[in-house]
Amino acid sequence: MRLDGITVLITTMLGLGGCAALACAPVTIVVADKEERPTLVSQPRGLRTDELGRVKEERRDSIGHEYWVRDADGHWVRVSEAQWQAAEPGRPLEVCR
């Protein structure tokens, strides 16, 4: 099967267009509130076999953290720990949306 240039070009454009939604759009917000939320993180530790010889994945659960700030409009935005620590209510903060 032979692909012509236009098919390759269209496929590439559609594929790259899907990544545009994942790109960071920096926005400066005024912090109204900030919150640290605990989350359950399940980490793989390896493989083992059970009593019937089936392969099972060993996992370990631990508590992780998510950091969020709220803007003046009430929208919550997830930020890094460093951004969260620097955030102060009433002060501007640059975030990705």
PDB file of N, CA and C in Angstrom:
ATOM      1  N   MET A   1       0.841  -1.173   0.000  1.00  0.00           N
ATOM      2  CA  MET A   1       0.000   0.000   0.000  1.00  0.00           C
ATOM      3  C   MET A   1       0.889   1.240   0.000  1.00  0.00           C
ATOM      4  N   ARG A   2       0.599   2.170  -0.905  1.00  0.00           N
ATOM      5  CA  ARG A   2       1.428   3.365  -1.059  1.00  0.00           C
ATOM      6  C   ARG A   2       0.689   4.569  -0.480  1.00  0.00           C
ATOM      7  N   LEU A   3       1.389   5.340   0.382  1.00  0.00           N
ATOM      8  CA  LEU A   3       0.815   6.560   0.936  1.00  0.00           C
ATOM      9  C   LEU A   3       1.346   7.749   0.165  1.00  0.00           C
ATOM     10  N   ASP A   4       0.446   8.600  -0.285  1.00  0.00           N
ATOM     11  CA  ASP A   4       0.920   9.795  -0.976  1.00  0.00           C
ATOM     12  C   ASP A   4       1.213  10.904   0.034  1.00  0.00           C
ATOM     13  N   GLY A   5       1.864  11.954  -0.406  1.00  0.00           N
ATOM     14  CA  GLY A   5       2.319  13.034   0.475  1.00  0.00           C
ATOM     15  C   GLY A   5       1.196  13.739   1.202  1.00  0.00           C
ATOM     16  N   ILE A   6       0.053  13.927   0.538  1.00  0.00           N
ATOM     17  CA  ILE A   6      -1.049  14.657   1.171  1.00  0.00           C
ATOM     18  C   ILE A   6      -1.647  13.857   2.333  1.00  0.00           C
ATOM     19  N   THR A   7      -1.718  12.535   2.186  1.00  0.00           N
ATOM     20  CA  THR A   7      -2.236  11.690   3.268  1.00  0.00           C
ATOM     21  C   THR A   7      -1.327  11.758   4.487  1.00  0.00           C
ATOM     22  N   VAL A   8      -0.031  11.700   4.255  1.00  0.00           N
ATOM     23  CA  VAL A   8       0.933  11.790   5.348  1.00  0.00           C
ATOM     24  C   VAL A   8       0.836  13.156   6.021  1.00  0.00           C
ATOM     25  N   LEU A   9       0.702  14.216   5.246  1.00  0.00           N
ATOM     26  CA  LEU A   9       0.606  15.570   5.779  1.00  0.00           C
ATOM     27  C   LEU A   9      -0.654  15.731   6.638  1.00  0.00           C
ATOM     28  N   ILE A  10      -1.789  15.260   6.148  1.00  0.00           N
ATOM     29  CA  ILE A  10      -3.048  15.370   6.901  1.00  0.00           C
ATOM     30  C   ILE A  10      -2.982  14.561   8.193  1.00  0.00           C
ATOM     31  N   THR A  11      -2.450  13.352   8.129  1.00  0.00           N
ATOM     32  CA  THR A  11      -2.329  12.512   9.317  1.00  0.00           C
ATOM     33  C   THR A  11      -1.424  13.166  10.357  1.00  0.00           C
ATOM     34  N   THR A  12      -0.328  13.753   9.910  1.00  0.00           N
ATOM     35  CA  THR A  12       0.595  14.431  10.825  1.00  0.00           C
ATOM     36  C   THR A  12      -0.068  15.637  11.469  1.00  0.00           C
ATOM     37  N   MET A  13      -0.791  16.427  10.691  1.00  0.00           N
ATOM     38  CA  MET A  13      -1.456  17.614  11.224  1.00  0.00           C
ATOM     39  C   MET A  13      -2.518  17.230  12.255  1.00  0.00           C
ATOM     40  N   LEU A  14      -3.290  16.186  11.966  1.00  0.00           N
ATOM     41  CA  LEU A  14      -4.304  15.746  12.920  1.00  0.00           C
ATOM     42  C   LEU A  14      -3.673  15.208  14.191  1.00  0.00           C
ATOM     43  N   GLY A  15      -2.581  14.483  14.055  1.00  0.00           N
ATOM     44  CA  GLY A  15      -1.891  13.942  15.223  1.00  0.00           C
ATOM     45  C   GLY A  15      -1.302  15.033  16.095  1.00  0.00           C
ATOM     46  N   LEU A  16      -0.689  16.028  15.487  1.00  0.00           N
ATOM     47  CA  LEU A  16      -0.106  17.121  16.253  1.00  0.00           C
ATOM     48  C   LEU A  16      -1.176  18.045  16.814  1.00  0.00           C
ATOM     49  N   GLY A  17      -2.286  18.158  16.144  1.00  0.00           N
ATOM     50  CA  GLY A  17      -3.384  18.988  16.636  1.00  0.00           C
ATOM     51  C   GLY A  17      -3.947  18.451  17.933  1.00  0.00           C
ATOM     52  N   GLY A  18      -3.924  17.144  18.114  1.00  0.00           N
ATOM     53  CA  GLY A  18      -4.393  16.544  19.357  1.00  0.00           C
ATOM     54  C   GLY A  18      -3.508  16.891  20.534  1.00  0.00           C
ATOM     55  N   CYS A  19      -2.237  17.164  20.279  1.00  0.00           N
ATOM     56  CA  CYS A  19      -1.315  17.531  21.353  1.00  0.00           C
ATOM     57  C   CYS A  19      -1.478  18.977  21.789  1.00  0.00           C
ATOM     58  N   ALA A  20      -2.109  19.800  20.960  1.00  0.00           N
ATOM     59  CA  ALA A  20      -2.260  21.212  21.292  1.00  0.00           C
ATOM     60  C   ALA A  20      -3.078  21.394  22.562  1.00  0.00           C
ATOM     61  N   ALA A  21      -4.021  20.507  22.802  1.00  0.00           N
ATOM     62  CA  ALA A  21      -4.852  20.612  24.006  1.00  0.00           C
ATOM     63  C   ALA A  21      -4.037  20.348  25.271  1.00  0.00           C
ATOM     64  N   LEU A  22      -2.927  19.645  25.146  1.00  0.00           N
ATOM     65  CA  LEU A  22      -2.109  19.319  26.304  1.00  0.00           C
ATOM     66  C   LEU A  22      -1.049  20.378  26.586  1.00  0.00           C
ATOM     67  N   ALA A  23      -0.893  21.331  25.673  1.00  0.00           N
ATOM     68  CA  ALA A  23       0.127  22.360  25.844  1.00  0.00           C
ATOM     69  C   ALA A  23      -0.268  23.317  26.970  1.00  0.00           C
ATOM     70  N   CYS A  24       0.736  23.883  27.614  1.00  0.00           N
ATOM     71  CA  CYS A  24       0.525  24.814  28.716  1.00  0.00           C
ATOM     72  C   CYS A  24       0.208  26.196  28.165  1.00  0.00           C
ATOM     73  N   ALA A  25      -0.840  26.796  28.690  1.00  0.00           N
ATOM     74  CA  ALA A  25      -1.166  28.190  28.374  1.00  0.00           C
ATOM     75  C   ALA A  25      -0.997  28.980  29.664  1.00  0.00           C
ATOM     76  N   PRO A  26       0.148  29.666  29.860  1.00  0.00           N
ATOM     77  CA  PRO A  26       0.390  30.387  31.110  1.00  0.00           C
ATOM     78  C   PRO A  26      -0.620  31.514  31.322  1.00  0.00           C
ATOM     79  N   VAL A  27      -1.174  31.560  32.515  1.00  0.00           N
ATOM     80  CA  VAL A  27      -2.163  32.566  32.891  1.00  0.00           C
ATOM     81  C   VAL A  27      -1.810  33.047  34.293  1.00  0.00           C
ATOM     82  N   THR A  28      -1.958  34.327  34.527  1.00  0.00           N
ATOM     83  CA  THR A  28      -1.738  34.867  35.866  1.00  0.00           C
ATOM     84  C   THR A  28      -3.086  35.012  36.549  1.00  0.00           C
ATOM     85  N   ILE A  29      -3.207  34.405  37.724  1.00  0.00           N
ATOM     86  CA  ILE A  29      -4.445  34.476  38.504  1.00  0.00           C
ATOM     87  C   ILE A  29      -4.150  35.147  39.836  1.00  0.00           C
ATOM     88  N   VAL A  30      -5.197  35.613  40.483  1.00  0.00           N
ATOM     89  CA  VAL A  30      -5.070  36.125  41.849  1.00  0.00           C
ATOM     90  C   VAL A  30      -5.555  35.020  42.772  1.00  0.00           C
ATOM     91  N   VAL A  31      -4.709  34.566  43.652  1.00  0.00           N
ATOM     92  CA  VAL A  31      -5.017  33.436  44.531  1.00  0.00           C
ATOM     93  C   VAL A  31      -6.044  33.857  45.582  1.00  0.00           C
ATOM     94  N   ALA A  32      -7.155  33.112  45.637  1.00  0.00           N
ATOM     95  CA  ALA A  32      -8.168  33.358  46.650  1.00  0.00           C
ATOM     96  C   ALA A  32      -8.020  32.375  47.812  1.00  0.00           C
ATOM     97  N   ASP A  33      -7.574  31.161  47.494  1.00  0.00           N
ATOM     98  CA  ASP A  33      -7.444  30.119  48.516  1.00  0.00           C
ATOM     99  C   ASP A  33      -6.464  29.077  47.999  1.00  0.00           C
ATOM    100  N   LYS A  34      -5.890  28.297  48.892  1.00  0.00           N
ATOM    101  CA  LYS A  34      -5.036  27.187  48.487  1.00  0.00           C
ATOM    102  C   LYS A  34      -5.342  25.992  49.367  1.00  0.00           C
ATOM    103  N   GLU A  35      -5.125  24.803  48.802  1.00  0.00           N
ATOM    104  CA  GLU A  35      -5.521  23.581  49.493  1.00  0.00           C
ATOM    105  C   GLU A  35      -4.561  22.449  49.148  1.00  0.00           C
ATOM    106  N   GLU A  36      -4.210  21.658  50.158  1.00  0.00           N
ATOM    107  CA  GLU A  36      -3.403  20.445  49.965  1.00  0.00           C
ATOM    108  C   GLU A  36      -4.335  19.263  50.150  1.00  0.00           C
ATOM    109  N   ARG A  37      -4.427  18.410  49.116  1.00  0.00           N
ATOM    110  CA  ARG A  37      -5.347  17.279  49.162  1.00  0.00           C
ATOM    111  C   ARG A  37      -4.567  15.967  49.181  1.00  0.00           C
ATOM    112  N   PRO A  38      -4.836  15.128  50.163  1.00  0.00           N
ATOM    113  CA  PRO A  38      -4.171  13.815  50.176  1.00  0.00           C
ATOM    114  C   PRO A  38      -4.798  12.892  49.138  1.00  0.00           C
ATOM    115  N   THR A  39      -3.972  12.059  48.526  1.00  0.00           N
ATOM    116  CA  THR A  39      -4.446  11.090  47.547  1.00  0.00           C
ATOM    117  C   THR A  39      -3.810   9.734  47.825  1.00  0.00           C
ATOM    118  N   LEU A  40      -4.510   8.687  47.432  1.00  0.00           N
ATOM    119  CA  LEU A  40      -3.979   7.339  47.564  1.00  0.00           C
ATOM    120  C   LEU A  40      -3.189   7.013  46.309  1.00  0.00           C
ATOM    121  N   VAL A  41      -1.916   6.670  46.471  1.00  0.00           N
ATOM    122  CA  VAL A  41      -1.038   6.334  45.352  1.00  0.00           C
ATOM    123  C   VAL A  41      -0.683   4.861  45.470  1.00  0.00           C
ATOM    124  N   SER A  42      -0.962   4.098  44.415  1.00  0.00           N
ATOM    125  CA  SER A  42      -0.650   2.673  44.387  1.00  0.00           C
ATOM    126  C   SER A  42       0.582   2.470  43.510  1.00  0.00           C
ATOM    127  N   GLN A  43       1.678   2.016  44.117  1.00  0.00           N
ATOM    128  CA  GLN A  43       2.937   1.871  43.395  1.00  0.00           C
ATOM    129  C   GLN A  43       3.258   0.398  43.190  1.00  0.00           C
ATOM    130  N   PRO A  44       3.668   0.015  41.957  1.00  0.00           N
ATOM    131  CA  PRO A  44       4.060  -1.380  41.720  1.00  0.00           C
ATOM    132  C   PRO A  44       5.380  -1.694  42.420  1.00  0.00           C
ATOM    133  N   ARG A  45       5.461  -2.874  43.019  1.00  0.00           N
ATOM    134  CA  ARG A  45       6.683  -3.295  43.717  1.00  0.00           C
ATOM    135  C   ARG A  45       7.328  -4.502  43.068  1.00  0.00           C
ATOM    136  N   GLY A  46       6.636  -5.152  42.144  1.00  0.00           N
ATOM    137  CA  GLY A  46       7.201  -6.318  41.484  1.00  0.00           C
ATOM    138  C   GLY A  46       6.117  -7.331  41.149  1.00  0.00           C
ATOM    139  N   LEU A  47       6.549  -8.517  40.744  1.00  0.00           N
ATOM    140  CA  LEU A  47       5.635  -9.596  40.383  1.00  0.00           C
ATOM    141  C   LEU A  47       5.860 -10.783  41.300  1.00  0.00           C
ATOM    142  N   ARG A  48       4.807 -11.561  41.512  1.00  0.00           N
ATOM    143  CA  ARG A  48       4.910 -12.800  42.287  1.00  0.00           C
ATOM    144  C   ARG A  48       3.925 -13.800  41.697  1.00  0.00           C
ATOM    145  N   THR A  49       4.038 -15.035  42.108  1.00  0.00           N
ATOM    146  CA  THR A  49       3.062 -16.039  41.693  1.00  0.00           C
ATOM    147  C   THR A  49       2.239 -16.442  42.902  1.00  0.00           C
ATOM    148  N   ASP A  50       0.954 -16.648  42.660  1.00  0.00           N
ATOM    149  CA  ASP A  50       0.094 -17.081  43.764  1.00  0.00           C
ATOM    150  C   ASP A  50       0.136 -18.595  43.893  1.00  0.00           C
ATOM    151  N   GLU A  51      -0.683 -19.135  44.781  1.00  0.00           N
ATOM    152  CA  GLU A  51      -0.645 -20.576  45.061  1.00  0.00           C
ATOM    153  C   GLU A  51      -1.061 -21.436  43.867  1.00  0.00           C
ATOM    154  N   LEU A  52      -1.753 -20.840  42.879  1.00  0.00           N
ATOM    155  CA  LEU A  52      -2.148 -21.587  41.681  1.00  0.00           C
ATOM    156  C   LEU A  52      -1.188 -21.372  40.512  1.00  0.00           C
ATOM    157  N   GLY A  53      -0.122 -20.623  40.737  1.00  0.00           N
ATOM    158  CA  GLY A  53       0.870 -20.395  39.700  1.00  0.00           C
ATOM    159  C   GLY A  53       0.585 -19.198  38.809  1.00  0.00           C
ATOM    160  N   ARG A  54      -0.438 -18.432  39.115  1.00  0.00           N
ATOM    161  CA  ARG A  54      -0.746 -17.238  38.324  1.00  0.00           C
ATOM    162  C   ARG A  54       0.177 -16.096  38.723  1.00  0.00           C
ATOM    163  N   VAL A  55       0.541 -15.290  37.744  1.00  0.00           N
ATOM    164  CA  VAL A  55       1.409 -14.137  38.007  1.00  0.00           C
ATOM    165  C   VAL A  55       0.546 -12.984  38.513  1.00  0.00           C
ATOM    166  N   LYS A  56       0.933 -12.444  39.643  1.00  0.00           N
ATOM    167  CA  LYS A  56       0.214 -11.318  40.263  1.00  0.00           C
ATOM    168  C   LYS A  56       1.183 -10.167  40.460  1.00  0.00           C
ATOM    169  N   GLU A  57       0.670  -8.964  40.351  1.00  0.00           N
ATOM    170  CA  GLU A  57       1.489  -7.782  40.575  1.00  0.00           C
ATOM    171  C   GLU A  57       1.430  -7.399  42.049  1.00  0.00           C
ATOM    172  N   GLU A  58       2.597  -7.176  42.634  1.00  0.00           N
ATOM    173  CA  GLU A  58       2.676  -6.684  44.011  1.00  0.00           C
ATOM    174  C   GLU A  58       2.589  -5.170  43.980  1.00  0.00           C
ATOM    175  N   ARG A  59       1.719  -4.594  44.789  1.00  0.00           N
ATOM    176  CA  ARG A  59       1.567  -3.147  44.844  1.00  0.00           C
ATOM    177  C   ARG A  59       1.629  -2.682  46.284  1.00  0.00           C
ATOM    178  N   ARG A  60       2.068  -1.443  46.469  1.00  0.00           N
ATOM    179  CA  ARG A  60       2.100  -0.853  47.793  1.00  0.00           C
ATOM    180  C   ARG A  60       1.363   0.479  47.741  1.00  0.00           C
ATOM    181  N   ASP A  61       0.431   0.651  48.644  1.00  0.00           N
ATOM    182  CA  ASP A  61      -0.331   1.895  48.704  1.00  0.00           C
ATOM    183  C   ASP A  61       0.358   2.869  49.655  1.00  0.00           C
ATOM    184  N   SER A  62       0.355   4.126  49.259  1.00  0.00           N
ATOM    185  CA  SER A  62       0.902   5.176  50.118  1.00  0.00           C
ATOM    186  C   SER A  62       0.086   6.445  49.914  1.00  0.00           C
ATOM    187  N   ILE A  63       0.289   7.388  50.795  1.00  0.00           N
ATOM    188  CA  ILE A  63      -0.425   8.653  50.713  1.00  0.00           C
ATOM    189  C   ILE A  63       0.426   9.654  49.939  1.00  0.00           C
ATOM    190  N   GLY A  64      -0.168  10.236  48.889  1.00  0.00           N
ATOM    191  CA  GLY A  64       0.496  11.273  48.102  1.00  0.00           C
ATOM    192  C   GLY A  64      -0.200  12.604  48.354  1.00  0.00           C
ATOM    193  N   HIS A  65       0.276  13.631  47.699  1.00  0.00           N
ATOM    194  CA  HIS A  65      -0.295  14.962  47.906  1.00  0.00           C
ATOM    195  C   HIS A  65      -0.530  15.639  46.568  1.00  0.00           C
ATOM    196  N   GLU A  66      -1.654  16.336  46.462  1.00  0.00           N
ATOM    197  CA  GLU A  66      -1.951  17.198  45.323  1.00  0.00           C
ATOM    198  C   GLU A  66      -2.088  18.605  45.864  1.00  0.00           C
ATOM    199  N   TYR A  67      -1.628  19.570  45.100  1.00  0.00           N
ATOM    200  CA  TYR A  67      -1.653  20.966  45.532  1.00  0.00           C
ATOM    201  C   TYR A  67      -2.541  21.765  44.585  1.00  0.00           C
ATOM    202  N   TRP A  68      -3.490  22.505  45.156  1.00  0.00           N
ATOM    203  CA  TRP A  68      -4.478  23.238  44.383  1.00  0.00           C
ATOM    204  C   TRP A  68      -4.568  24.679  44.876  1.00  0.00           C
ATOM    205  N   VAL A  69      -4.823  25.601  43.938  1.00  0.00           N
ATOM    206  CA  VAL A  69      -5.116  26.992  44.287  1.00  0.00           C
ATOM    207  C   VAL A  69      -6.429  27.375  43.612  1.00  0.00           C
ATOM    208  N   ARG A  70      -7.176  28.261  44.264  1.00  0.00           N
ATOM    209  CA  ARG A  70      -8.454  28.740  43.721  1.00  0.00           C
ATOM    210  C   ARG A  70      -8.288  30.195  43.331  1.00  0.00           C
ATOM    211  N   ASP A  71      -8.804  30.538  42.138  1.00  0.00           N
ATOM    212  CA  ASP A  71      -8.732  31.935  41.713  1.00  0.00           C
ATOM    213  C   ASP A  71      -9.966  32.689  42.202  1.00  0.00           C
ATOM    214  N   ALA A  72     -10.031  33.961  41.895  1.00  0.00           N
ATOM    215  CA  ALA A  72     -11.128  34.805  42.368  1.00  0.00           C
ATOM    216  C   ALA A  72     -12.471  34.391  41.776  1.00  0.00           C
ATOM    217  N   ASP A  73     -12.475  33.705  40.622  1.00  0.00           N
ATOM    218  CA  ASP A  73     -13.713  33.247  39.993  1.00  0.00           C
ATOM    219  C   ASP A  73     -14.197  31.915  40.555  1.00  0.00           C
ATOM    220  N   GLY A  74     -13.433  31.306  41.440  1.00  0.00           N
ATOM    221  CA  GLY A  74     -13.828  30.043  42.051  1.00  0.00           C
ATOM    222  C   GLY A  74     -13.313  28.806  41.343  1.00  0.00           C
ATOM    223  N   HIS A  75     -12.463  28.969  40.327  1.00  0.00           N
ATOM    224  CA  HIS A  75     -11.899  27.825  39.610  1.00  0.00           C
ATOM    225  C   HIS A  75     -10.664  27.302  40.339  1.00  0.00           C
ATOM    226  N   TRP A  76     -10.621  25.979  40.563  1.00  0.00           N
ATOM    227  CA  TRP A  76      -9.459  25.359  41.192  1.00  0.00           C
ATOM    228  C   TRP A  76      -8.476  24.940  40.111  1.00  0.00           C
ATOM    229  N   VAL A  77      -7.188  25.176  40.347  1.00  0.00           N
ATOM    230  CA  VAL A  77      -6.117  24.838  39.415  1.00  0.00           C
ATOM    231  C   VAL A  77      -5.071  24.037  40.168  1.00  0.00           C
ATOM    232  N   ARG A  78      -4.690  22.874  39.601  1.00  0.00           N
ATOM    233  CA  ARG A  78      -3.640  22.061  40.228  1.00  0.00           C
ATOM    234  C   ARG A  78      -2.284  22.674  39.915  1.00  0.00           C
ATOM    235  N   VAL A  79      -1.432  22.789  40.927  1.00  0.00           N
ATOM    236  CA  VAL A  79      -0.111  23.396  40.779  1.00  0.00           C
ATOM    237  C   VAL A  79       0.947  22.495  41.401  1.00  0.00           C
ATOM    238  N   SER A  80       2.202  22.825  41.152  1.00  0.00           N
ATOM    239  CA  SER A  80       3.301  22.073  41.756  1.00  0.00           C
ATOM    240  C   SER A  80       3.433  22.448  43.233  1.00  0.00           C
ATOM    241  N   GLU A  81       4.182  21.646  43.965  1.00  0.00           N
ATOM    242  CA  GLU A  81       4.389  21.935  45.387  1.00  0.00           C
ATOM    243  C   GLU A  81       5.089  23.283  45.582  1.00  0.00           C
ATOM    244  N   ALA A  82       6.065  23.585  44.717  1.00  0.00           N
ATOM    245  CA  ALA A  82       6.788  24.859  44.834  1.00  0.00           C
ATOM    246  C   ALA A  82       5.861  26.046  44.590  1.00  0.00           C
ATOM    247  N   GLN A  83       4.983  25.929  43.577  1.00  0.00           N
ATOM    248  CA  GLN A  83       4.029  27.004  43.317  1.00  0.00           C
ATOM    249  C   GLN A  83       3.064  27.157  44.490  1.00  0.00           C
ATOM    250  N   TRP A  84       2.625  26.030  45.043  1.00  0.00           N
ATOM    251  CA  TRP A  84       1.676  26.055  46.151  1.00  0.00           C
ATOM    252  C   TRP A  84       2.290  26.728  47.377  1.00  0.00           C
ATOM    253  N   GLN A  85       3.551  26.427  47.643  1.00  0.00           N
ATOM    254  CA  GLN A  85       4.226  27.030  48.790  1.00  0.00           C
ATOM    255  C   GLN A  85       4.403  28.534  48.607  1.00  0.00           C
ATOM    256  N   ALA A  86       4.618  28.957  47.351  1.00  0.00           N
ATOM    257  CA  ALA A  86       4.812  30.384  47.084  1.00  0.00           C
ATOM    258  C   ALA A  86       3.483  31.145  47.019  1.00  0.00           C
ATOM    259  N   ALA A  87       2.376  30.434  46.843  1.00  0.00           N
ATOM    260  CA  ALA A  87       1.071  31.084  46.688  1.00  0.00           C
ATOM    261  C   ALA A  87       0.600  31.695  48.004  1.00  0.00           C
ATOM    262  N   GLU A  88       0.113  32.910  47.923  1.00  0.00           N
ATOM    263  CA  GLU A  88      -0.458  33.601  49.075  1.00  0.00           C
ATOM    264  C   GLU A  88      -1.783  34.216  48.655  1.00  0.00           C
ATOM    265  N   PRO A  89      -2.828  34.058  49.447  1.00  0.00           N
ATOM    266  CA  PRO A  89      -4.123  34.656  49.093  1.00  0.00           C
ATOM    267  C   PRO A  89      -3.991  36.164  48.853  1.00  0.00           C
ATOM    268  N   GLY A  90      -4.626  36.602  47.754  1.00  0.00           N
ATOM    269  CA  GLY A  90      -4.588  38.007  47.389  1.00  0.00           C
ATOM    270  C   GLY A  90      -3.415  38.398  46.503  1.00  0.00           C
ATOM    271  N   ARG A  91      -2.483  37.472  46.271  1.00  0.00           N
ATOM    272  CA  ARG A  91      -1.292  37.761  45.459  1.00  0.00           C
ATOM    273  C   ARG A  91      -1.414  37.062  44.103  1.00  0.00           C
ATOM    274  N   PRO A  92      -0.822  37.623  43.039  1.00  0.00           N
ATOM    275  CA  PRO A  92      -0.867  36.971  41.717  1.00  0.00           C
ATOM    276  C   PRO A  92       0.062  35.751  41.667  1.00  0.00           C
ATOM    277  N   LEU A  93      -0.320  34.790  40.819  1.00  0.00           N
ATOM    278  CA  LEU A  93       0.461  33.572  40.630  1.00  0.00           C
ATOM    279  C   LEU A  93       0.292  33.130  39.188  1.00  0.00           C
ATOM    280  N   GLU A  94       1.392  32.786  38.525  1.00  0.00           N
ATOM    281  CA  GLU A  94       1.319  32.302  37.145  1.00  0.00           C
ATOM    282  C   GLU A  94       1.137  30.800  37.162  1.00  0.00           C
ATOM    283  N   VAL A  95       0.096  30.316  36.466  1.00  0.00           N
ATOM    284  CA  VAL A  95      -0.233  28.898  36.409  1.00  0.00           C
ATOM    285  C   VAL A  95      -0.470  28.478  34.955  1.00  0.00           C
ATOM    286  N   CYS A  96      -0.487  27.184  34.710  1.00  0.00           N
ATOM    287  CA  CYS A  96      -0.816  26.635  33.386  1.00  0.00           C
ATOM    288  C   CYS A  96      -2.276  26.214  33.374  1.00  0.00           C
ATOM    289  N   ARG A  97      -2.926  26.531  32.278  1.00  0.00           N
ATOM    290  CA  ARG A  97      -4.316  26.055  32.081  1.00  0.00           C
ATOM    291  C   ARG A  97      -4.420  25.336  30.801  1.00  0.00           C
TER     292      ARG A  97
END
